[in-house]
Amino acid sequence: MERVSGLLSRTLNRVLWLSGLFERRAARQPRIMEEKALEVYDLIRTIRDPEKPNTLEELEVVSESCVEVQEINEEDYLVIIRFTPTVPHCSLATLIGLCLRVKLQRCLPFKHKLEIYISEGTHSTEEDINKQINDKERVAAAMENPNLREIVEQCVLEPD
């Protein structure tokens, strides 16, 4: 009887310990996602606008609130960016989305799936642009164009 009681006690202690571990991990999750979102924002805020000498942050095309990070599993994350073009008919919105994608694909230090969207209601052709900037084949084709690639490189170049 004493042996069963000891076994039961150890099992119960183990269950309580494990449940506490899971609770602590769950409590850390929102903070970890916020930290990753800030890490993403720090990368994209310095991207230069293709037309102006300003950064996307200065033009309020991106902000901290436009970045969301969700955990897919322990090693993979979903990064969602919602950017706001300066005007509803911005002809460079697709190029801005391409710059965001290129910079994050190159610089993010964790495994991720990337989704980039124009903020709802902020562009006249947002649906078409959203499809373009989230289509791997279209992005690859765009980056094969030397003129377009040069513009993207200038926009994503880190400031001195």
N, C-alpha and C. Protein backbone atom coordinates (compact mmCIF):
# COMPACT_ATOMS: atom_id res chain seq x y z
N MET A 1 0.81 -1.19 0.00
CA MET A 1 0.00 0.00 0.00
C MET A 1 0.87 1.27 0.00
N GLU A 2 1.93 1.22 0.78
CA GLU A 2 2.84 2.36 0.86
C GLU A 2 3.48 2.64 -0.50
N ARG A 3 3.80 1.58 -1.23
CA ARG A 3 4.42 1.72 -2.55
C ARG A 3 3.44 2.38 -3.53
N VAL A 4 2.19 1.99 -3.50
CA VAL A 4 1.17 2.57 -4.38
C VAL A 4 0.97 4.04 -4.03
N SER A 5 0.95 4.34 -2.74
CA SER A 5 0.77 5.72 -2.29
C SER A 5 1.94 6.59 -2.78
N GLY A 6 3.16 6.08 -2.69
CA GLY A 6 4.34 6.83 -3.16
C GLY A 6 4.30 7.05 -4.66
N LEU A 7 3.89 6.02 -5.39
CA LEU A 7 3.77 6.13 -6.84
C LEU A 7 2.71 7.14 -7.22
N LEU A 8 1.59 7.09 -6.53
CA LEU A 8 0.51 8.03 -6.79
C LEU A 8 0.94 9.46 -6.48
N SER A 9 1.66 9.64 -5.40
CA SER A 9 2.14 10.96 -5.00
C SER A 9 3.10 11.53 -6.05
N ARG A 10 4.05 10.71 -6.51
CA ARG A 10 5.00 11.17 -7.54
C ARG A 10 4.28 11.51 -8.84
N THR A 11 3.31 10.69 -9.20
CA THR A 11 2.55 10.93 -10.44
C THR A 11 1.78 12.24 -10.34
N LEU A 12 1.14 12.45 -9.21
CA LEU A 12 0.39 13.69 -9.00
C LEU A 12 1.32 14.90 -9.02
N ASN A 13 2.46 14.80 -8.35
CA ASN A 13 3.43 15.90 -8.37
C ASN A 13 3.91 16.19 -9.79
N ARG A 14 4.15 15.17 -10.57
CA ARG A 14 4.59 15.33 -11.96
C ARG A 14 3.53 16.04 -12.80
N VAL A 15 2.29 15.62 -12.62
CA VAL A 15 1.18 16.24 -13.36
C VAL A 15 1.08 17.72 -13.00
N LEU A 16 1.15 18.03 -11.71
CA LEU A 16 1.07 19.43 -11.29
C LEU A 16 2.26 20.24 -11.83
N TRP A 17 3.44 19.67 -11.79
CA TRP A 17 4.62 20.35 -12.31
C TRP A 17 4.47 20.63 -13.81
N LEU A 18 4.04 19.61 -14.55
CA LEU A 18 3.87 19.78 -15.99
C LEU A 18 2.81 20.82 -16.30
N SER A 19 1.71 20.79 -15.59
CA SER A 19 0.66 21.78 -15.86
C SER A 19 1.15 23.19 -15.56
N GLY A 20 1.96 23.36 -14.55
CA GLY A 20 2.54 24.67 -14.26
C GLY A 20 3.47 25.12 -15.36
N LEU A 21 4.21 24.20 -15.92
CA LEU A 21 5.12 24.52 -17.02
C LEU A 21 4.34 24.99 -18.23
N PHE A 22 3.25 24.30 -18.53
CA PHE A 22 2.44 24.69 -19.67
C PHE A 22 1.79 26.05 -19.44
N GLU A 23 1.37 26.31 -18.21
CA GLU A 23 0.77 27.61 -17.91
C GLU A 23 1.77 28.73 -18.10
N ARG A 24 3.01 28.53 -17.64
CA ARG A 24 4.03 29.57 -17.80
C ARG A 24 4.32 29.81 -19.28
N ARG A 25 4.37 28.76 -20.08
CA ARG A 25 4.64 28.91 -21.51
C ARG A 25 3.51 29.68 -22.19
N ALA A 26 2.26 29.35 -21.83
CA ALA A 26 1.11 30.05 -22.41
C ALA A 26 1.12 31.53 -22.03
N ALA A 27 1.53 31.83 -20.82
CA ALA A 27 1.58 33.22 -20.37
C ALA A 27 2.66 34.01 -21.11
N ARG A 28 3.74 33.34 -21.54
CA ARG A 28 4.83 34.01 -22.27
C ARG A 28 4.48 34.28 -23.72
N GLN A 29 3.55 33.52 -24.31
CA GLN A 29 3.26 33.60 -25.74
C GLN A 29 2.94 35.01 -26.23
N PRO A 30 2.00 35.74 -25.60
CA PRO A 30 1.70 37.08 -26.13
C PRO A 30 2.92 37.99 -26.14
N ARG A 31 3.75 37.91 -25.12
CA ARG A 31 4.95 38.75 -25.06
C ARG A 31 5.94 38.38 -26.16
N ILE A 32 6.09 37.09 -26.42
CA ILE A 32 7.00 36.65 -27.47
C ILE A 32 6.52 37.13 -28.84
N MET A 33 5.19 37.04 -29.08
CA MET A 33 4.64 37.50 -30.36
C MET A 33 4.83 39.01 -30.52
N GLU A 34 4.66 39.76 -29.43
CA GLU A 34 4.87 41.21 -29.48
C GLU A 34 6.34 41.52 -29.79
N GLU A 35 7.26 40.79 -29.20
CA GLU A 35 8.68 41.01 -29.45
C GLU A 35 9.02 40.71 -30.91
N LYS A 36 8.47 39.62 -31.44
CA LYS A 36 8.73 39.29 -32.84
C LYS A 36 8.13 40.34 -33.76
N ALA A 37 6.94 40.84 -33.43
CA ALA A 37 6.31 41.89 -34.24
C ALA A 37 7.17 43.16 -34.24
N LEU A 38 7.73 43.51 -33.10
CA LEU A 38 8.62 44.68 -33.04
C LEU A 38 9.89 44.46 -33.85
N GLU A 39 10.38 43.23 -33.83
CA GLU A 39 11.56 42.87 -34.62
C GLU A 39 11.26 43.05 -36.11
N VAL A 40 10.08 42.62 -36.54
CA VAL A 40 9.66 42.78 -37.93
C VAL A 40 9.54 44.27 -38.26
N TYR A 41 8.87 45.01 -37.38
CA TYR A 41 8.68 46.44 -37.62
C TYR A 41 10.02 47.17 -37.75
N ASP A 42 10.97 46.83 -36.90
CA ASP A 42 12.29 47.48 -36.98
C ASP A 42 12.95 47.25 -38.33
N LEU A 43 12.66 46.13 -38.96
CA LEU A 43 13.22 45.85 -40.29
C LEU A 43 12.53 46.65 -41.39
N ILE A 44 11.21 46.80 -41.31
CA ILE A 44 10.48 47.43 -42.42
C ILE A 44 10.36 48.95 -42.31
N ARG A 45 10.52 49.48 -41.12
CA ARG A 45 10.30 50.92 -40.95
C ARG A 45 11.32 51.77 -41.70
N THR A 46 12.50 51.23 -41.97
CA THR A 46 13.56 51.99 -42.64
C THR A 46 13.54 51.85 -44.17
N ILE A 47 12.61 51.06 -44.70
CA ILE A 47 12.51 50.93 -46.16
C ILE A 47 12.15 52.31 -46.73
N ARG A 48 12.83 52.69 -47.78
CA ARG A 48 12.59 53.99 -48.41
C ARG A 48 11.44 53.91 -49.41
N ASP A 49 10.69 54.99 -49.50
CA ASP A 49 9.63 55.11 -50.49
C ASP A 49 10.29 55.19 -51.87
N PRO A 50 9.72 54.52 -52.89
CA PRO A 50 10.33 54.54 -54.24
C PRO A 50 10.37 55.93 -54.88
N GLU A 51 9.47 56.83 -54.49
CA GLU A 51 9.39 58.16 -55.11
C GLU A 51 9.99 59.27 -54.27
N LYS A 52 9.89 59.11 -52.95
CA LYS A 52 10.27 60.20 -52.05
C LYS A 52 11.51 59.82 -51.25
N PRO A 53 12.18 60.81 -50.67
CA PRO A 53 13.38 60.50 -49.88
C PRO A 53 13.06 60.02 -48.46
N ASN A 54 11.78 59.79 -48.17
CA ASN A 54 11.34 59.40 -46.83
C ASN A 54 11.26 57.89 -46.68
N THR A 55 11.24 57.47 -45.41
CA THR A 55 11.04 56.04 -45.11
C THR A 55 9.54 55.76 -45.05
N LEU A 56 9.19 54.48 -45.09
CA LEU A 56 7.79 54.10 -44.98
C LEU A 56 7.22 54.49 -43.62
N GLU A 57 8.06 54.47 -42.60
CA GLU A 57 7.61 54.90 -41.26
C GLU A 57 7.29 56.39 -41.27
N GLU A 58 8.17 57.21 -41.84
CA GLU A 58 7.96 58.66 -41.87
C GLU A 58 6.69 59.03 -42.63
N LEU A 59 6.36 58.28 -43.66
CA LEU A 59 5.17 58.54 -44.46
C LEU A 59 3.92 57.88 -43.89
N GLU A 60 4.10 57.17 -42.78
CA GLU A 60 3.01 56.44 -42.10
C GLU A 60 2.38 55.37 -42.99
N VAL A 61 3.20 54.81 -43.87
CA VAL A 61 2.77 53.67 -44.70
C VAL A 61 2.78 52.42 -43.83
N VAL A 62 3.73 52.34 -42.90
CA VAL A 62 3.78 51.25 -41.92
C VAL A 62 3.86 51.84 -40.52
N SER A 63 3.36 51.08 -39.57
CA SER A 63 3.41 51.46 -38.15
C SER A 63 3.53 50.16 -37.35
N GLU A 64 3.80 50.29 -36.06
CA GLU A 64 3.91 49.10 -35.22
C GLU A 64 2.62 48.28 -35.27
N SER A 65 1.50 48.96 -35.34
CA SER A 65 0.21 48.26 -35.30
C SER A 65 -0.11 47.51 -36.60
N CYS A 66 0.66 47.75 -37.66
CA CYS A 66 0.38 47.07 -38.93
C CYS A 66 1.05 45.70 -39.02
N VAL A 67 1.79 45.32 -37.97
CA VAL A 67 2.51 44.05 -37.97
C VAL A 67 1.87 43.10 -36.96
N GLU A 68 1.59 41.89 -37.42
CA GLU A 68 1.05 40.86 -36.54
C GLU A 68 1.87 39.59 -36.73
N VAL A 69 2.19 38.92 -35.65
CA VAL A 69 2.92 37.66 -35.71
C VAL A 69 2.13 36.62 -34.94
N GLN A 70 1.93 35.47 -35.58
CA GLN A 70 1.22 34.35 -34.95
C GLN A 70 2.12 33.13 -35.00
N GLU A 71 2.05 32.32 -33.97
CA GLU A 71 2.83 31.09 -33.94
C GLU A 71 2.10 30.01 -34.71
N ILE A 72 2.79 29.41 -35.68
CA ILE A 72 2.23 28.27 -36.42
C ILE A 72 2.55 27.00 -35.65
N ASN A 73 3.81 26.85 -35.27
CA ASN A 73 4.26 25.77 -34.38
C ASN A 73 5.48 26.30 -33.65
N GLU A 74 6.20 25.43 -32.94
CA GLU A 74 7.31 25.92 -32.10
C GLU A 74 8.40 26.65 -32.87
N GLU A 75 8.59 26.34 -34.14
CA GLU A 75 9.69 26.94 -34.90
C GLU A 75 9.24 27.86 -36.03
N ASP A 76 7.96 27.84 -36.38
CA ASP A 76 7.46 28.61 -37.52
C ASP A 76 6.44 29.66 -37.09
N TYR A 77 6.50 30.81 -37.76
CA TYR A 77 5.60 31.90 -37.44
C TYR A 77 4.95 32.44 -38.70
N LEU A 78 3.74 32.95 -38.55
CA LEU A 78 3.04 33.64 -39.63
C LEU A 78 3.20 35.13 -39.36
N VAL A 79 3.78 35.85 -40.32
CA VAL A 79 3.96 37.29 -40.22
C VAL A 79 2.97 37.94 -41.19
N ILE A 80 2.13 38.80 -40.65
CA ILE A 80 1.13 39.50 -41.46
C ILE A 80 1.42 40.99 -41.38
N ILE A 81 1.57 41.60 -42.55
CA ILE A 81 1.81 43.04 -42.65
C ILE A 81 0.61 43.65 -43.38
N ARG A 82 0.06 44.71 -42.82
CA ARG A 82 -1.00 45.48 -43.49
C ARG A 82 -0.49 46.92 -43.62
N PHE A 83 -0.15 47.31 -44.84
CA PHE A 83 0.40 48.66 -45.03
C PHE A 83 -0.62 49.57 -45.68
N THR A 84 -0.42 50.87 -45.50
CA THR A 84 -1.37 51.87 -45.99
C THR A 84 -0.67 52.79 -46.98
N PRO A 85 -1.01 52.70 -48.27
CA PRO A 85 -0.42 53.61 -49.25
C PRO A 85 -0.76 55.07 -48.91
N THR A 86 0.05 55.99 -49.38
CA THR A 86 -0.16 57.41 -49.05
C THR A 86 -1.43 57.97 -49.67
N VAL A 87 -1.83 57.45 -50.83
CA VAL A 87 -3.08 57.89 -51.49
C VAL A 87 -3.81 56.66 -52.04
N PRO A 88 -5.13 56.72 -52.19
CA PRO A 88 -5.92 55.56 -52.63
C PRO A 88 -5.61 55.08 -54.06
N HIS A 89 -4.95 55.91 -54.85
CA HIS A 89 -4.63 55.53 -56.23
C HIS A 89 -3.11 55.42 -56.43
N CYS A 90 -2.38 55.19 -55.35
CA CYS A 90 -0.91 55.11 -55.39
C CYS A 90 -0.46 54.08 -56.43
N SER A 91 0.29 54.54 -57.40
CA SER A 91 0.75 53.66 -58.48
C SER A 91 1.92 52.77 -58.05
N LEU A 92 2.50 53.07 -56.90
CA LEU A 92 3.66 52.31 -56.45
C LEU A 92 3.34 51.35 -55.30
N ALA A 93 2.07 51.13 -55.02
CA ALA A 93 1.69 50.25 -53.91
C ALA A 93 2.24 48.83 -54.10
N THR A 94 2.20 48.33 -55.32
CA THR A 94 2.73 46.99 -55.59
C THR A 94 4.23 46.95 -55.33
N LEU A 95 4.93 47.99 -55.74
CA LEU A 95 6.37 48.07 -55.53
C LEU A 95 6.71 48.15 -54.04
N ILE A 96 5.91 48.88 -53.29
CA ILE A 96 6.12 48.95 -51.83
C ILE A 96 5.92 47.57 -51.22
N GLY A 97 4.89 46.86 -51.63
CA GLY A 97 4.66 45.50 -51.14
C GLY A 97 5.82 44.58 -51.49
N LEU A 98 6.36 44.74 -52.68
CA LEU A 98 7.51 43.94 -53.11
C LEU A 98 8.73 44.25 -52.23
N CYS A 99 8.94 45.52 -51.93
CA CYS A 99 10.06 45.90 -51.06
C CYS A 99 9.91 45.29 -49.67
N LEU A 100 8.70 45.32 -49.13
CA LEU A 100 8.45 44.72 -47.82
C LEU A 100 8.80 43.23 -47.85
N ARG A 101 8.33 42.54 -48.88
CA ARG A 101 8.56 41.10 -49.00
C ARG A 101 10.06 40.79 -49.11
N VAL A 102 10.76 41.50 -49.98
CA VAL A 102 12.18 41.24 -50.20
C VAL A 102 12.98 41.48 -48.92
N LYS A 103 12.71 42.60 -48.25
CA LYS A 103 13.46 42.92 -47.03
C LYS A 103 13.23 41.85 -45.95
N LEU A 104 12.00 41.43 -45.77
CA LEU A 104 11.71 40.44 -44.72
C LEU A 104 12.23 39.06 -45.08
N GLN A 105 12.15 38.68 -46.35
CA GLN A 105 12.68 37.38 -46.75
C GLN A 105 14.18 37.31 -46.52
N ARG A 106 14.85 38.41 -46.71
CA ARG A 106 16.30 38.45 -46.53
C ARG A 106 16.73 38.54 -45.07
N CYS A 107 15.97 39.26 -44.27
CA CYS A 107 16.48 39.66 -42.96
C CYS A 107 15.84 39.01 -41.75
N LEU A 108 14.66 38.42 -41.88
CA LEU A 108 14.03 37.85 -40.69
C LEU A 108 14.85 36.68 -40.17
N PRO A 109 15.19 36.70 -38.88
CA PRO A 109 16.06 35.65 -38.32
C PRO A 109 15.31 34.39 -37.87
N PHE A 110 14.01 34.34 -38.09
CA PHE A 110 13.26 33.14 -37.70
C PHE A 110 12.46 32.63 -38.88
N LYS A 111 12.12 31.33 -38.84
CA LYS A 111 11.35 30.72 -39.94
C LYS A 111 9.95 31.33 -39.95
N HIS A 112 9.49 31.65 -41.15
CA HIS A 112 8.22 32.35 -41.23
C HIS A 112 7.49 32.11 -42.54
N LYS A 113 6.21 32.34 -42.50
CA LYS A 113 5.36 32.44 -43.68
C LYS A 113 4.94 33.90 -43.69
N LEU A 114 4.98 34.52 -44.84
CA LEU A 114 4.76 35.95 -44.93
C LEU A 114 3.51 36.26 -45.75
N GLU A 115 2.63 37.09 -45.18
CA GLU A 115 1.46 37.58 -45.89
C GLU A 115 1.47 39.10 -45.81
N ILE A 116 1.37 39.74 -46.97
CA ILE A 116 1.40 41.19 -47.02
C ILE A 116 0.13 41.68 -47.71
N TYR A 117 -0.53 42.62 -47.07
CA TYR A 117 -1.78 43.15 -47.60
C TYR A 117 -1.80 44.67 -47.51
N ILE A 118 -2.57 45.27 -48.39
CA ILE A 118 -2.88 46.69 -48.26
C ILE A 118 -4.02 46.77 -47.26
N SER A 119 -3.94 47.73 -46.35
CA SER A 119 -5.01 47.90 -45.35
C SER A 119 -6.35 48.08 -46.07
N GLU A 120 -7.35 47.41 -45.55
CA GLU A 120 -8.66 47.40 -46.19
C GLU A 120 -9.21 48.82 -46.38
N GLY A 121 -9.66 49.09 -47.61
CA GLY A 121 -10.28 50.36 -47.92
C GLY A 121 -9.32 51.51 -48.17
N THR A 122 -8.02 51.23 -48.29
CA THR A 122 -7.05 52.33 -48.46
C THR A 122 -6.49 52.45 -49.87
N HIS A 123 -6.92 51.56 -50.78
CA HIS A 123 -6.44 51.64 -52.16
C HIS A 123 -7.54 51.19 -53.11
N SER A 124 -7.59 51.82 -54.26
CA SER A 124 -8.66 51.53 -55.22
C SER A 124 -8.56 50.14 -55.83
N THR A 125 -7.36 49.55 -55.89
CA THR A 125 -7.21 48.21 -56.47
C THR A 125 -6.54 47.26 -55.49
N GLU A 126 -6.88 47.39 -54.21
CA GLU A 126 -6.20 46.61 -53.16
C GLU A 126 -6.29 45.11 -53.37
N GLU A 127 -7.41 44.61 -53.84
CA GLU A 127 -7.57 43.17 -54.03
C GLU A 127 -6.57 42.63 -55.06
N ASP A 128 -6.44 43.32 -56.18
CA ASP A 128 -5.49 42.89 -57.23
C ASP A 128 -4.05 42.97 -56.73
N ILE A 129 -3.74 44.04 -56.03
CA ILE A 129 -2.37 44.21 -55.53
C ILE A 129 -2.05 43.16 -54.48
N ASN A 130 -3.01 42.87 -53.60
CA ASN A 130 -2.80 41.83 -52.58
C ASN A 130 -2.47 40.49 -53.23
N LYS A 131 -3.16 40.16 -54.32
CA LYS A 131 -2.88 38.91 -55.04
C LYS A 131 -1.45 38.92 -55.61
N GLN A 132 -1.07 40.03 -56.19
CA GLN A 132 0.25 40.13 -56.81
C GLN A 132 1.38 39.97 -55.79
N ILE A 133 1.28 40.68 -54.69
CA ILE A 133 2.40 40.68 -53.74
C ILE A 133 2.46 39.42 -52.88
N ASN A 134 1.45 38.58 -52.98
CA ASN A 134 1.47 37.31 -52.24
C ASN A 134 1.59 36.11 -53.16
N ASP A 135 1.86 36.35 -54.44
CA ASP A 135 2.05 35.29 -55.43
C ASP A 135 3.55 35.11 -55.67
N LYS A 136 4.09 33.98 -55.23
CA LYS A 136 5.54 33.74 -55.33
C LYS A 136 6.06 33.84 -56.75
N GLU A 137 5.31 33.33 -57.71
CA GLU A 137 5.76 33.36 -59.11
C GLU A 137 5.82 34.79 -59.64
N ARG A 138 4.83 35.60 -59.31
CA ARG A 138 4.84 37.00 -59.76
C ARG A 138 5.98 37.78 -59.10
N VAL A 139 6.22 37.50 -57.83
CA VAL A 139 7.31 38.17 -57.12
C VAL A 139 8.65 37.78 -57.75
N ALA A 140 8.84 36.50 -58.02
CA ALA A 140 10.08 36.04 -58.65
C ALA A 140 10.26 36.67 -60.02
N ALA A 141 9.19 36.73 -60.81
CA ALA A 141 9.26 37.34 -62.14
C ALA A 141 9.61 38.83 -62.03
N ALA A 142 9.02 39.51 -61.09
CA ALA A 142 9.31 40.94 -60.90
C ALA A 142 10.78 41.16 -60.56
N MET A 143 11.32 40.29 -59.71
CA MET A 143 12.72 40.45 -59.30
C MET A 143 13.71 40.05 -60.39
N GLU A 144 13.24 39.43 -61.45
CA GLU A 144 14.12 39.13 -62.59
C GLU A 144 14.30 40.35 -63.49
N ASN A 145 13.40 41.32 -63.37
CA ASN A 145 13.49 42.55 -64.15
C ASN A 145 14.60 43.42 -63.53
N PRO A 146 15.70 43.67 -64.29
CA PRO A 146 16.83 44.40 -63.71
C PRO A 146 16.48 45.81 -63.23
N ASN A 147 15.61 46.51 -63.94
CA ASN A 147 15.23 47.87 -63.53
C ASN A 147 14.45 47.85 -62.23
N LEU A 148 13.51 46.94 -62.14
CA LEU A 148 12.70 46.80 -60.93
C LEU A 148 13.55 46.35 -59.75
N ARG A 149 14.44 45.40 -60.01
CA ARG A 149 15.33 44.89 -58.96
C ARG A 149 16.20 46.02 -58.41
N GLU A 150 16.70 46.89 -59.27
CA GLU A 150 17.54 48.01 -58.84
C GLU A 150 16.75 48.98 -57.95
N ILE A 151 15.51 49.25 -58.31
CA ILE A 151 14.66 50.12 -57.49
C ILE A 151 14.43 49.50 -56.11
N VAL A 152 14.11 48.21 -56.09
CA VAL A 152 13.89 47.51 -54.83
C VAL A 152 15.15 47.55 -53.97
N GLU A 153 16.29 47.28 -54.58
CA GLU A 153 17.57 47.30 -53.84
C GLU A 153 17.82 48.66 -53.20
N GLN A 154 17.54 49.74 -53.93
CA GLN A 154 17.72 51.08 -53.38
C GLN A 154 16.77 51.35 -52.22
N CYS A 155 15.55 50.84 -52.32
CA CYS A 155 14.55 51.07 -51.27
C CYS A 155 14.87 50.29 -49.99
N VAL A 156 15.38 49.08 -50.12
CA VAL A 156 15.62 48.24 -48.94
C VAL A 156 17.02 48.43 -48.36
N LEU A 157 17.87 49.19 -49.04
CA LEU A 157 19.22 49.45 -48.56
C LEU A 157 19.16 50.12 -47.19
N GLU A 158 19.92 49.58 -46.25
CA GLU A 158 19.93 50.13 -44.89
C GLU A 158 20.58 51.51 -44.88
N PRO A 159 19.98 52.45 -44.14
CA PRO A 159 20.59 53.79 -44.05
C PRO A 159 21.91 53.73 -43.27
N ASP A 160 22.78 54.66 -43.57
CA ASP A 160 24.09 54.70 -42.89
C ASP A 160 24.00 55.20 -41.47
